Amino acid sequence: AAMGGVCLGKSHNVLSEAIRVRVSPGASQQDVAPDFAEVPLETLGVHVPVLPGDVGLCGDLSATDVACLAGRYKAWLYVNTPESPNFHRAELERAGIVIDVKLFPGPPTMPSEAQAVAVLDALDSLPRPLMMQCTSGMRVGAALLLWLAKRRGYSAMSAEQLATDISLKFYVDCVRCGPMREWLMAQLPAQDMLCAQTHADDLIFKQLFDPETSTFTYLLGCGATKEAVLIDPVLEHKDRDLSTINELGLQLRYVVNTHCHADHITSGGAIRKEWPEVRTVISEASGAKADVHVRDGDQVKFGKLALEAIATPGHTDGCITWLLQGAPSRVFTGDTLLIRGCGRTDFQLGNAGSLYDNVHSKIFSLPVETLVYPAHDYKGRNVSTVDEEKRFNTRLSESREGFIKLMSELNLPYPRKIDAAVPANMVCGTQD
């Protein structure tokens, strides 16, 4: 609906009186555009998810509303057929913004692989801020989530967590979107899928999983030299990990632990016995045996890449977070920071105040796009970002005093393997 060239959108009855007061009869759109710029996007049925924050989602709009909205965006992605009467190309062209049309169908016909790839590529390349439009605003929400998940390497459950946290309507508020949700989840890996990836920064990366203890092991290799490190390996999966290293043609240099684990035994000592050239690494503060002891700021180099040690005690007194610089950077947080949670602080000289301070000052201070890889996840998720954890980690968004109180009241049972794991891990995972 329009009045005097002004966008009224879906709530035009609510706004009509305010607009009638400030718009004189016969006023042009140019005359009123500065005033309309103050109208909230939600009034027009536009949803701007907090992440990524520069992409709007909308359904069918009037030509007048499109003309008004176009001035706020640098690009417009339409995912229906261009012949649709609800695609107002002329208004977009007059605004001088970038226009792209890609098919992204919904039930009963789902997007083909080629159609999905085309939309993801468009999201990669189109300038921001960007508006995405379909009939109801639901399919573009699915496309945006697929893009976020694919580009960050999310498992299906990590994508579901993100969709809930940023309130994507197709996921949290659409009774007819079940088939689209199911299709999207099928495009993403499960938590325990072994997925090797080679990135632009010449990193070979593989995330491995132990379902018994929900422990992640990370294999990182330099693409140029094939030197590699293994982070937080589990003894029962030693043969799997060594086979993976051989299959990828890598030369393992270091086995690195984020801390002295209480829920599983590291395979570091067993690997060192089989491959004597490998060196084990843990923090000096842990008090555990290893070939290399590190402090805050030390580096573990493998080929052209390096892990930087960031001391983050709190879960235990010897916790290290490992930072790998890149585009994006990656941070391996052990039990210090989990996805939407954190490690307990009631044993191994843990300290809730220290954990809170270190997460906020040393991890949350990293660039927001930094990928967060924890040592565990118990809900099918596999990776997060600094931005997500700052926004949505309910434990760590408490005040410091509130966090300390919360952690003191958890009353968790001790890990089942603690009596065997801690003594073994103090000597690299094997009893000498």
Protein backbone atom coordinates (compact mmCIF):
# COMPACT_ATOMS: atom_id res chain seq x y z
CA ALA A 1 0.00 0.00 0.00
CA ALA A 2 1.18 3.53 -0.67
CA MET A 3 0.11 7.06 0.12
CA GLY A 4 1.72 10.05 -1.47
CA GLY A 5 4.61 7.83 -2.60
CA VAL A 6 5.34 6.67 0.96
CA CYS A 7 5.91 3.00 1.86
CA LEU A 8 3.32 1.79 4.31
CA GLY A 9 4.04 -1.93 4.18
CA LYS A 10 2.11 -4.53 6.15
CA SER A 11 1.33 -2.17 9.03
CA HIS A 12 -0.01 0.68 6.93
CA ASN A 13 -3.01 1.28 9.19
CA VAL A 14 -0.72 1.87 12.15
CA LEU A 15 1.53 4.28 10.28
CA SER A 16 -1.03 6.04 8.13
CA GLU A 17 -1.81 8.82 10.60
CA ALA A 18 1.85 9.61 11.24
CA ILE A 19 2.56 9.70 7.53
CA ARG A 20 -0.53 11.80 6.80
CA VAL A 21 0.77 14.43 9.19
CA ARG A 22 4.19 14.79 7.64
CA VAL A 23 3.42 14.26 3.93
CA SER A 24 1.60 16.97 2.02
CA PRO A 25 -0.70 16.05 -0.90
CA GLY A 26 1.24 15.54 -4.10
CA ALA A 27 4.60 15.13 -2.36
CA SER A 28 7.08 13.06 -4.33
CA GLN A 29 8.96 10.01 -3.05
CA GLN A 30 12.14 12.07 -3.07
CA ASP A 31 10.46 14.60 -0.77
CA VAL A 32 9.52 11.99 1.84
CA ALA A 33 12.36 9.47 1.57
CA PRO A 34 14.45 11.04 4.34
CA ASP A 35 11.50 10.77 6.76
CA PHE A 36 10.68 7.24 5.70
CA ALA A 37 14.24 6.18 6.30
CA GLU A 38 13.37 6.32 10.00
CA VAL A 39 10.55 3.76 9.65
CA PRO A 40 11.67 0.41 11.16
CA LEU A 41 12.23 -2.33 8.60
CA GLU A 42 10.01 -4.65 10.65
CA THR A 43 7.08 -2.42 9.73
CA LEU A 44 7.47 -3.60 6.15
CA GLY A 45 7.77 -7.25 7.09
CA VAL A 46 11.56 -7.24 6.72
CA HIS A 47 13.56 -9.43 9.10
CA VAL A 48 17.24 -8.63 9.59
CA PRO A 49 18.81 -11.51 11.57
CA VAL A 50 21.42 -10.35 14.06
CA LEU A 51 23.87 -12.61 12.22
CA PRO A 52 25.27 -11.82 9.77
CA GLY A 53 23.54 -8.47 10.42
CA ASP A 54 23.84 -7.05 6.91
CA VAL A 55 21.26 -9.22 5.13
CA GLY A 56 17.52 -8.50 5.13
CA LEU A 57 14.83 -11.10 4.41
CA CYS A 58 11.43 -10.24 3.00
CA GLY A 59 8.41 -11.63 1.18
CA ASP A 60 6.23 -10.02 -1.48
CA LEU A 61 6.18 -6.22 -1.36
CA SER A 62 4.41 -3.51 -3.28
CA ALA A 63 6.32 -1.63 -5.95
CA THR A 64 6.25 1.46 -3.74
CA ASP A 65 7.68 -0.39 -0.76
CA VAL A 66 10.43 -1.89 -2.93
CA ALA A 67 11.29 1.57 -4.25
CA CYS A 68 11.62 2.90 -0.71
CA LEU A 69 13.58 -0.08 0.58
CA ALA A 70 15.97 -0.16 -2.36
CA GLY A 71 17.61 3.03 -1.14
CA ARG A 72 18.78 1.24 1.99
CA TYR A 73 20.53 -1.63 0.17
CA LYS A 74 23.42 -2.11 -2.24
CA ALA A 75 22.11 -5.35 -3.71
CA TRP A 76 18.84 -7.30 -4.09
CA LEU A 77 18.63 -11.09 -4.53
CA TYR A 78 15.27 -12.39 -5.79
CA VAL A 79 14.78 -16.18 -5.64
CA ASN A 80 11.54 -16.57 -7.60
CA THR A 81 11.10 -16.44 -11.36
CA PRO A 82 11.81 -12.97 -12.80
CA GLU A 83 8.42 -13.07 -14.57
CA SER A 84 6.61 -12.88 -11.22
CA PRO A 85 4.40 -9.76 -10.90
CA ASN A 86 5.89 -9.32 -7.42
CA PHE A 87 9.40 -8.79 -8.79
CA HIS A 88 9.69 -5.03 -9.25
CA ARG A 89 12.83 -4.77 -11.36
CA ALA A 90 12.10 -1.25 -12.60
CA GLU A 91 12.08 0.16 -9.08
CA LEU A 92 15.33 -1.60 -8.24
CA GLU A 93 17.00 -0.40 -11.43
CA ARG A 94 15.99 3.18 -10.69
CA ALA A 95 17.71 2.84 -7.31
CA GLY A 96 20.93 1.85 -9.10
CA ILE A 97 21.63 -1.21 -6.92
CA VAL A 98 22.97 -4.62 -7.97
CA ILE A 99 20.15 -7.01 -8.93
CA ASP A 100 20.43 -10.80 -9.09
CA VAL A 101 17.80 -13.45 -9.71
CA LYS A 102 18.35 -17.07 -8.71
CA LEU A 103 15.77 -19.84 -8.40
CA PHE A 104 15.53 -21.39 -4.94
CA PRO A 105 12.25 -23.35 -5.00
CA GLY A 106 10.31 -24.64 -2.02
CA PRO A 107 8.00 -27.57 -1.31
CA PRO A 108 7.06 -29.78 -3.01
CA THR A 109 10.02 -29.12 -5.34
CA MET A 110 13.26 -28.61 -3.45
CA PRO A 111 16.33 -26.80 -4.77
CA SER A 112 18.63 -28.83 -6.95
CA GLU A 113 22.32 -28.94 -6.11
CA ALA A 114 23.03 -26.49 -8.91
CA GLN A 115 20.34 -24.09 -7.70
CA ALA A 116 21.63 -24.21 -4.14
CA VAL A 117 25.22 -23.61 -5.26
CA ALA A 118 24.13 -20.66 -7.39
CA VAL A 119 22.42 -18.98 -4.44
CA LEU A 120 25.40 -19.63 -2.15
CA ASP A 121 27.76 -18.16 -4.75
CA ALA A 122 25.51 -15.11 -5.05
CA LEU A 123 25.62 -14.63 -1.28
CA ASP A 124 29.41 -14.82 -1.46
CA SER A 125 29.71 -12.16 -4.12
CA LEU A 126 26.86 -9.66 -3.74
CA PRO A 127 27.71 -6.41 -1.93
CA ARG A 128 26.27 -5.60 1.49
CA PRO A 129 23.85 -4.59 2.79
CA LEU A 130 21.82 -7.12 0.82
CA MET A 131 18.09 -7.80 0.62
CA MET A 132 16.87 -11.34 -0.14
CA GLN A 133 13.29 -11.75 -1.34
CA CYS A 134 10.92 -14.65 -1.97
CA THR A 135 7.14 -14.98 -1.67
CA SER A 136 6.89 -15.19 2.13
CA GLY A 137 10.42 -14.53 3.37
CA MET A 138 10.79 -18.15 4.49
CA ARG A 139 12.85 -19.69 1.65
CA VAL A 140 15.35 -16.85 1.76
CA GLY A 141 15.77 -17.57 5.48
CA ALA A 142 16.60 -21.17 4.59
CA ALA A 143 19.05 -20.03 1.92
CA LEU A 144 20.78 -17.69 4.35
CA LEU A 145 21.12 -20.42 6.98
CA LEU A 146 22.50 -22.84 4.41
CA TRP A 147 25.09 -20.24 3.38
CA LEU A 148 26.12 -19.51 6.97
CA ALA A 149 26.39 -23.22 7.78
CA LYS A 150 28.27 -24.23 4.62
CA ARG A 151 30.77 -21.40 4.82
CA ARG A 152 31.51 -22.07 8.49
CA GLY A 153 31.58 -25.86 8.23
CA TYR A 154 28.63 -26.36 10.58
CA SER A 155 27.04 -29.69 11.36
CA ALA A 156 23.26 -29.95 11.03
CA MET A 157 22.81 -29.43 14.76
CA SER A 158 25.12 -26.40 14.81
CA ALA A 159 22.97 -24.90 12.06
CA GLU A 160 19.82 -25.68 14.05
CA GLN A 161 21.32 -23.98 17.11
CA LEU A 162 22.14 -20.89 15.06
CA ALA A 163 18.68 -20.79 13.45
CA THR A 164 17.08 -20.84 16.88
CA ASP A 165 19.40 -18.23 18.37
CA ILE A 166 18.92 -15.72 15.56
CA SER A 167 15.18 -16.49 15.30
CA LEU A 168 15.03 -17.41 11.62
CA LYS A 169 11.29 -17.55 11.04
CA PHE A 170 11.32 -20.49 8.63
CA TYR A 171 12.84 -22.56 11.43
CA VAL A 172 11.12 -21.29 14.55
CA ASP A 173 7.80 -19.86 13.33
CA CYS A 174 6.52 -21.65 10.22
CA VAL A 175 4.21 -24.66 10.45
CA ARG A 176 4.48 -25.31 6.69
CA CYS A 177 8.27 -25.20 6.49
CA GLY A 178 8.96 -28.72 7.78
CA PRO A 179 9.96 -30.12 4.37
CA MET A 180 12.34 -27.20 3.78
CA ARG A 181 13.90 -27.64 7.22
CA GLU A 182 14.38 -31.37 6.59
CA TRP A 183 15.92 -30.70 3.17
CA LEU A 184 18.34 -28.16 4.60
CA MET A 185 19.49 -30.42 7.45
CA ALA A 186 20.13 -33.18 4.92
CA GLN A 187 22.59 -30.88 3.12
CA LEU A 188 24.80 -30.65 6.22
CA PRO A 189 27.03 -33.26 7.86
CA ALA A 190 26.38 -35.00 11.14
CA GLN A 191 28.72 -34.25 14.02
CA ASP A 192 30.70 -37.45 13.61
CA MET A 193 31.20 -37.27 9.83
CA LEU A 194 34.89 -37.31 8.95
CA CYS A 195 35.24 -34.31 6.71
CA ALA A 196 38.65 -33.23 5.41
CA GLN A 197 38.86 -29.68 4.12
CA THR A 198 41.62 -27.71 2.43
CA HIS A 199 41.33 -23.96 2.89
CA ALA A 200 42.67 -20.95 1.06
CA ASP A 201 45.29 -20.40 3.76
CA ASP A 202 46.85 -23.78 2.82
CA LEU A 203 45.50 -25.50 5.91
CA ILE A 204 44.51 -29.15 5.80
CA PHE A 205 41.90 -29.56 8.51
CA LYS A 206 40.04 -32.56 9.82
CA GLN A 207 37.67 -32.76 12.77
CA LEU A 208 37.33 -36.21 14.34
CA PHE A 209 34.92 -37.37 17.03
CA ASP A 210 34.74 -39.89 19.87
CA PRO A 211 31.05 -40.69 20.53
CA GLU A 212 31.70 -42.31 23.91
CA THR A 213 33.07 -39.15 25.53
CA SER A 214 31.82 -36.63 22.93
CA THR A 215 35.43 -35.52 22.46
CA PHE A 216 36.71 -33.74 19.36
CA THR A 217 40.19 -34.40 18.02
CA TYR A 218 41.64 -31.98 15.48
CA LEU A 219 44.18 -32.77 12.79
CA LEU A 220 45.84 -29.71 11.26
CA GLY A 221 48.33 -29.93 8.43
CA CYS A 222 50.35 -27.49 6.37
CA GLY A 223 49.42 -27.98 2.73
CA ALA A 224 52.83 -26.82 1.53
CA THR A 225 55.08 -28.99 3.73
CA LYS A 226 52.64 -31.70 4.93
CA GLU A 227 53.78 -31.22 8.53
CA ALA A 228 50.92 -31.71 10.99
CA VAL A 229 49.75 -31.44 14.59
CA LEU A 230 47.07 -33.45 16.38
CA ILE A 231 45.04 -31.74 19.11
CA ASP A 232 43.39 -33.65 21.99
CA PRO A 233 43.59 -37.22 20.59
CA VAL A 234 41.78 -40.10 22.38
CA LEU A 235 43.66 -43.32 23.13
CA GLU A 236 40.93 -45.62 21.77
CA HIS A 237 41.14 -43.89 18.39
CA LYS A 238 44.91 -43.94 17.96
CA ASP A 239 44.80 -46.31 14.97
CA ARG A 240 42.07 -44.27 13.26
CA ASP A 241 44.03 -41.06 13.72
CA LEU A 242 47.33 -42.49 12.48
CA SER A 243 45.60 -44.05 9.46
CA THR A 244 44.03 -40.69 8.64
CA ILE A 245 47.42 -38.99 8.85
CA ASN A 246 48.92 -41.56 6.50
CA GLU A 247 46.00 -41.33 4.06
CA LEU A 248 46.46 -37.57 3.81
CA GLY A 249 50.20 -37.93 3.29
CA LEU A 250 51.02 -35.89 6.39
CA GLN A 251 54.02 -36.04 8.72
CA LEU A 252 52.92 -35.70 12.34
CA ARG A 253 55.25 -33.46 14.33
CA TYR A 254 53.34 -32.73 17.53
CA VAL A 255 50.54 -34.14 19.68
CA VAL A 256 49.07 -31.15 21.52
CA ASN A 257 46.72 -31.23 24.50
CA THR A 258 44.61 -28.28 25.62
CA HIS A 259 44.79 -29.51 29.25
CA CYS A 260 45.06 -32.63 31.39
CA HIS A 261 41.76 -34.32 30.54
CA ALA A 262 39.60 -36.08 33.10
CA ASP A 263 37.15 -37.90 30.81
CA HIS A 264 39.51 -39.73 28.44
CA ILE A 265 43.13 -40.81 28.16
CA THR A 266 45.25 -39.04 25.56
CA SER A 267 46.96 -41.13 22.91
CA GLY A 268 50.01 -38.85 22.93
CA GLY A 269 52.29 -41.27 24.74
CA ALA A 270 51.14 -44.26 22.67
CA ILE A 271 51.70 -42.35 19.44
CA ARG A 272 55.17 -41.28 20.56
CA LYS A 273 56.11 -44.92 21.21
CA GLU A 274 54.95 -45.91 17.72
CA TRP A 275 56.36 -42.82 15.99
CA PRO A 276 59.36 -41.70 18.13
CA GLU A 277 59.90 -38.52 16.13
CA VAL A 278 56.58 -37.09 17.38
CA ARG A 279 56.77 -34.70 20.35
CA THR A 280 54.03 -34.22 22.95
CA VAL A 281 52.99 -30.73 24.07
CA ILE A 282 51.07 -29.46 27.11
CA SER A 283 51.16 -26.36 29.31
CA GLU A 284 53.85 -26.00 31.92
CA ALA A 285 51.19 -25.00 34.43
CA SER A 286 49.45 -28.38 34.07
CA GLY A 287 52.29 -30.18 35.83
CA ALA A 288 51.96 -33.06 33.36
CA LYS A 289 54.86 -34.73 31.62
CA ALA A 290 55.50 -33.89 27.96
CA ASP A 291 58.35 -33.34 25.53
CA VAL A 292 57.47 -29.65 25.23
CA HIS A 293 55.97 -27.42 27.92
CA VAL A 294 54.45 -24.13 26.81
CA ARG A 295 53.50 -20.84 28.40
CA ASP A 296 51.27 -18.02 27.26
CA GLY A 297 52.46 -16.65 23.92
CA ASP A 298 54.58 -19.65 22.92
CA GLN A 299 54.15 -21.12 19.43
CA VAL A 300 54.04 -24.63 18.04
CA LYS A 301 55.11 -24.44 14.40
CA PHE A 302 54.25 -26.97 11.70
CA GLY A 303 55.43 -26.09 8.24
CA LYS A 304 54.37 -22.55 7.35
CA LEU A 305 51.68 -22.51 10.05
CA ALA A 306 51.80 -22.05 13.81
CA LEU A 307 49.56 -22.51 16.83
CA GLU A 308 49.85 -19.80 19.47
CA ALA A 309 49.34 -20.74 23.11
CA ILE A 310 46.88 -18.58 25.07
CA ALA A 311 46.84 -19.38 28.78
CA THR A 312 43.18 -19.70 29.85
CA PRO A 313 43.13 -21.39 33.26
CA GLY A 314 39.80 -21.86 34.98
CA HIS A 315 38.44 -25.26 34.00
CA THR A 316 41.79 -26.55 35.25
CA ASP A 317 44.83 -24.59 36.32
CA GLY A 318 46.71 -25.66 33.19
CA CYS A 319 44.27 -24.94 30.36
CA ILE A 320 45.64 -23.60 27.08
CA THR A 321 43.58 -22.25 24.20
CA TRP A 322 45.33 -22.66 20.85
CA LEU A 323 44.97 -19.93 18.23
CA LEU A 324 45.61 -20.53 14.53
CA GLN A 325 45.73 -17.29 12.57
CA GLY A 326 44.04 -17.33 9.18
CA ALA A 327 41.06 -16.17 7.19
CA PRO A 328 39.13 -16.82 9.31
CA SER A 329 41.24 -17.57 12.35
CA ARG A 330 40.47 -20.68 14.38
CA VAL A 331 40.65 -21.11 18.12
CA PHE A 332 40.77 -24.48 19.84
CA THR A 333 39.36 -23.84 23.28
CA GLY A 334 39.47 -27.23 24.99
CA ASP A 335 36.96 -27.26 27.86
CA THR A 336 37.43 -23.56 28.59
CA LEU A 337 34.77 -22.46 26.12
CA LEU A 338 32.18 -24.87 24.75
CA ILE A 339 29.36 -24.17 22.31
CA ARG A 340 26.83 -22.20 24.39
CA GLY A 341 28.56 -23.34 27.56
CA CYS A 342 31.89 -23.91 29.30
CA GLY A 343 33.78 -26.55 31.24
CA ARG A 344 33.15 -27.21 34.92
CA THR A 345 35.41 -25.59 37.51
CA ASP A 346 35.01 -27.81 40.57
CA PHE A 347 38.13 -30.02 40.32
CA GLN A 348 41.77 -30.02 39.13
CA LEU A 349 42.31 -26.62 40.75
CA GLY A 350 39.54 -25.08 38.67
CA ASN A 351 38.42 -21.51 39.36
CA ALA A 352 35.19 -20.04 38.00
CA GLY A 353 36.36 -16.44 38.30
CA SER A 354 39.55 -17.18 36.37
CA LEU A 355 37.63 -18.98 33.63
CA TYR A 356 35.22 -16.06 33.27
CA ASP A 357 38.02 -13.49 33.17
CA ASN A 358 40.10 -15.44 30.66
CA VAL A 359 37.22 -16.14 28.28
CA HIS A 360 36.14 -12.49 28.27
CA SER A 361 39.62 -10.97 28.03
CA LYS A 362 41.43 -13.49 25.83
CA ILE A 363 38.83 -15.30 23.68
CA PHE A 364 35.93 -12.86 23.37
CA SER A 365 38.48 -10.18 22.43
CA LEU A 366 39.41 -12.08 19.26
CA PRO A 367 37.86 -11.02 15.92
CA VAL A 368 34.17 -11.88 15.93
CA GLU A 369 34.45 -14.11 12.85
CA THR A 370 37.00 -16.39 14.58
CA LEU A 371 35.81 -20.00 14.48
CA VAL A 372 35.54 -21.69 17.88
CA TYR A 373 36.39 -25.39 18.06
CA PRO A 374 35.77 -26.90 21.52
CA ALA A 375 37.02 -30.17 22.99
CA HIS A 376 33.49 -31.51 23.46
CA ASP A 377 29.89 -31.12 22.41
CA TYR A 378 27.02 -33.27 23.62
CA LYS A 379 24.23 -32.05 21.33
CA GLY A 380 25.49 -32.79 17.82
CA ARG A 381 27.12 -29.40 17.24
CA ASN A 382 30.68 -29.03 16.00
CA VAL A 383 31.78 -25.40 15.72
CA SER A 384 30.75 -21.89 16.63
CA THR A 385 32.16 -18.38 16.34
CA VAL A 386 33.38 -15.80 18.83
CA ASP A 387 30.47 -13.59 17.80
CA GLU A 388 27.90 -16.30 18.49
CA GLU A 389 29.34 -17.17 21.88
CA LYS A 390 29.49 -13.53 22.94
CA ARG A 391 25.83 -13.13 21.98
CA PHE A 392 24.26 -16.46 22.86
CA ASN A 393 26.37 -18.21 25.53
CA THR A 394 23.99 -17.84 28.45
CA ARG A 395 26.49 -18.90 31.10
CA LEU A 396 29.17 -16.47 30.04
CA SER A 397 26.77 -13.58 29.44
CA GLU A 398 26.06 -13.59 33.18
CA SER A 399 27.79 -11.07 35.41
CA ARG A 400 31.03 -12.34 36.90
CA GLU A 401 29.37 -12.77 40.27
CA GLY A 402 26.37 -14.50 38.72
CA PHE A 403 28.63 -16.85 36.79
CA ILE A 404 30.61 -17.84 39.87
CA LYS A 405 27.38 -18.54 41.75
CA LEU A 406 25.96 -20.57 38.84
CA MET A 407 29.09 -22.72 38.55
CA SER A 408 29.15 -23.38 42.31
CA GLU A 409 25.61 -24.77 42.15
CA LEU A 410 26.00 -27.20 39.22
CA ASN A 411 26.59 -30.24 41.46
CA LEU A 412 27.76 -32.40 38.56
CA PRO A 413 28.91 -36.01 39.03
CA TYR A 414 32.59 -36.59 38.41
CA PRO A 415 33.59 -37.92 34.97
CA ARG A 416 33.32 -41.70 34.84
CA LYS A 417 36.96 -42.18 33.78
CA ILE A 418 38.53 -39.54 36.03
CA ASP A 419 40.38 -42.00 38.29
CA ALA A 420 42.13 -43.59 35.32
CA ALA A 421 42.35 -40.59 32.98
CA VAL A 422 43.98 -37.97 35.18
CA PRO A 423 46.90 -40.12 36.43
CA ALA A 424 47.54 -41.43 32.91
CA ASN A 425 47.35 -37.99 31.32
CA MET A 426 49.83 -36.61 33.83
CA VAL A 427 52.38 -38.91 32.13
CA CYS A 428 51.38 -38.35 28.48
CA GLY A 429 48.64 -40.98 28.51
CA THR A 430 50.68 -44.04 29.35
CA GLN A 431 51.86 -45.33 32.70
CA ASP A 432 55.68 -45.50 32.66
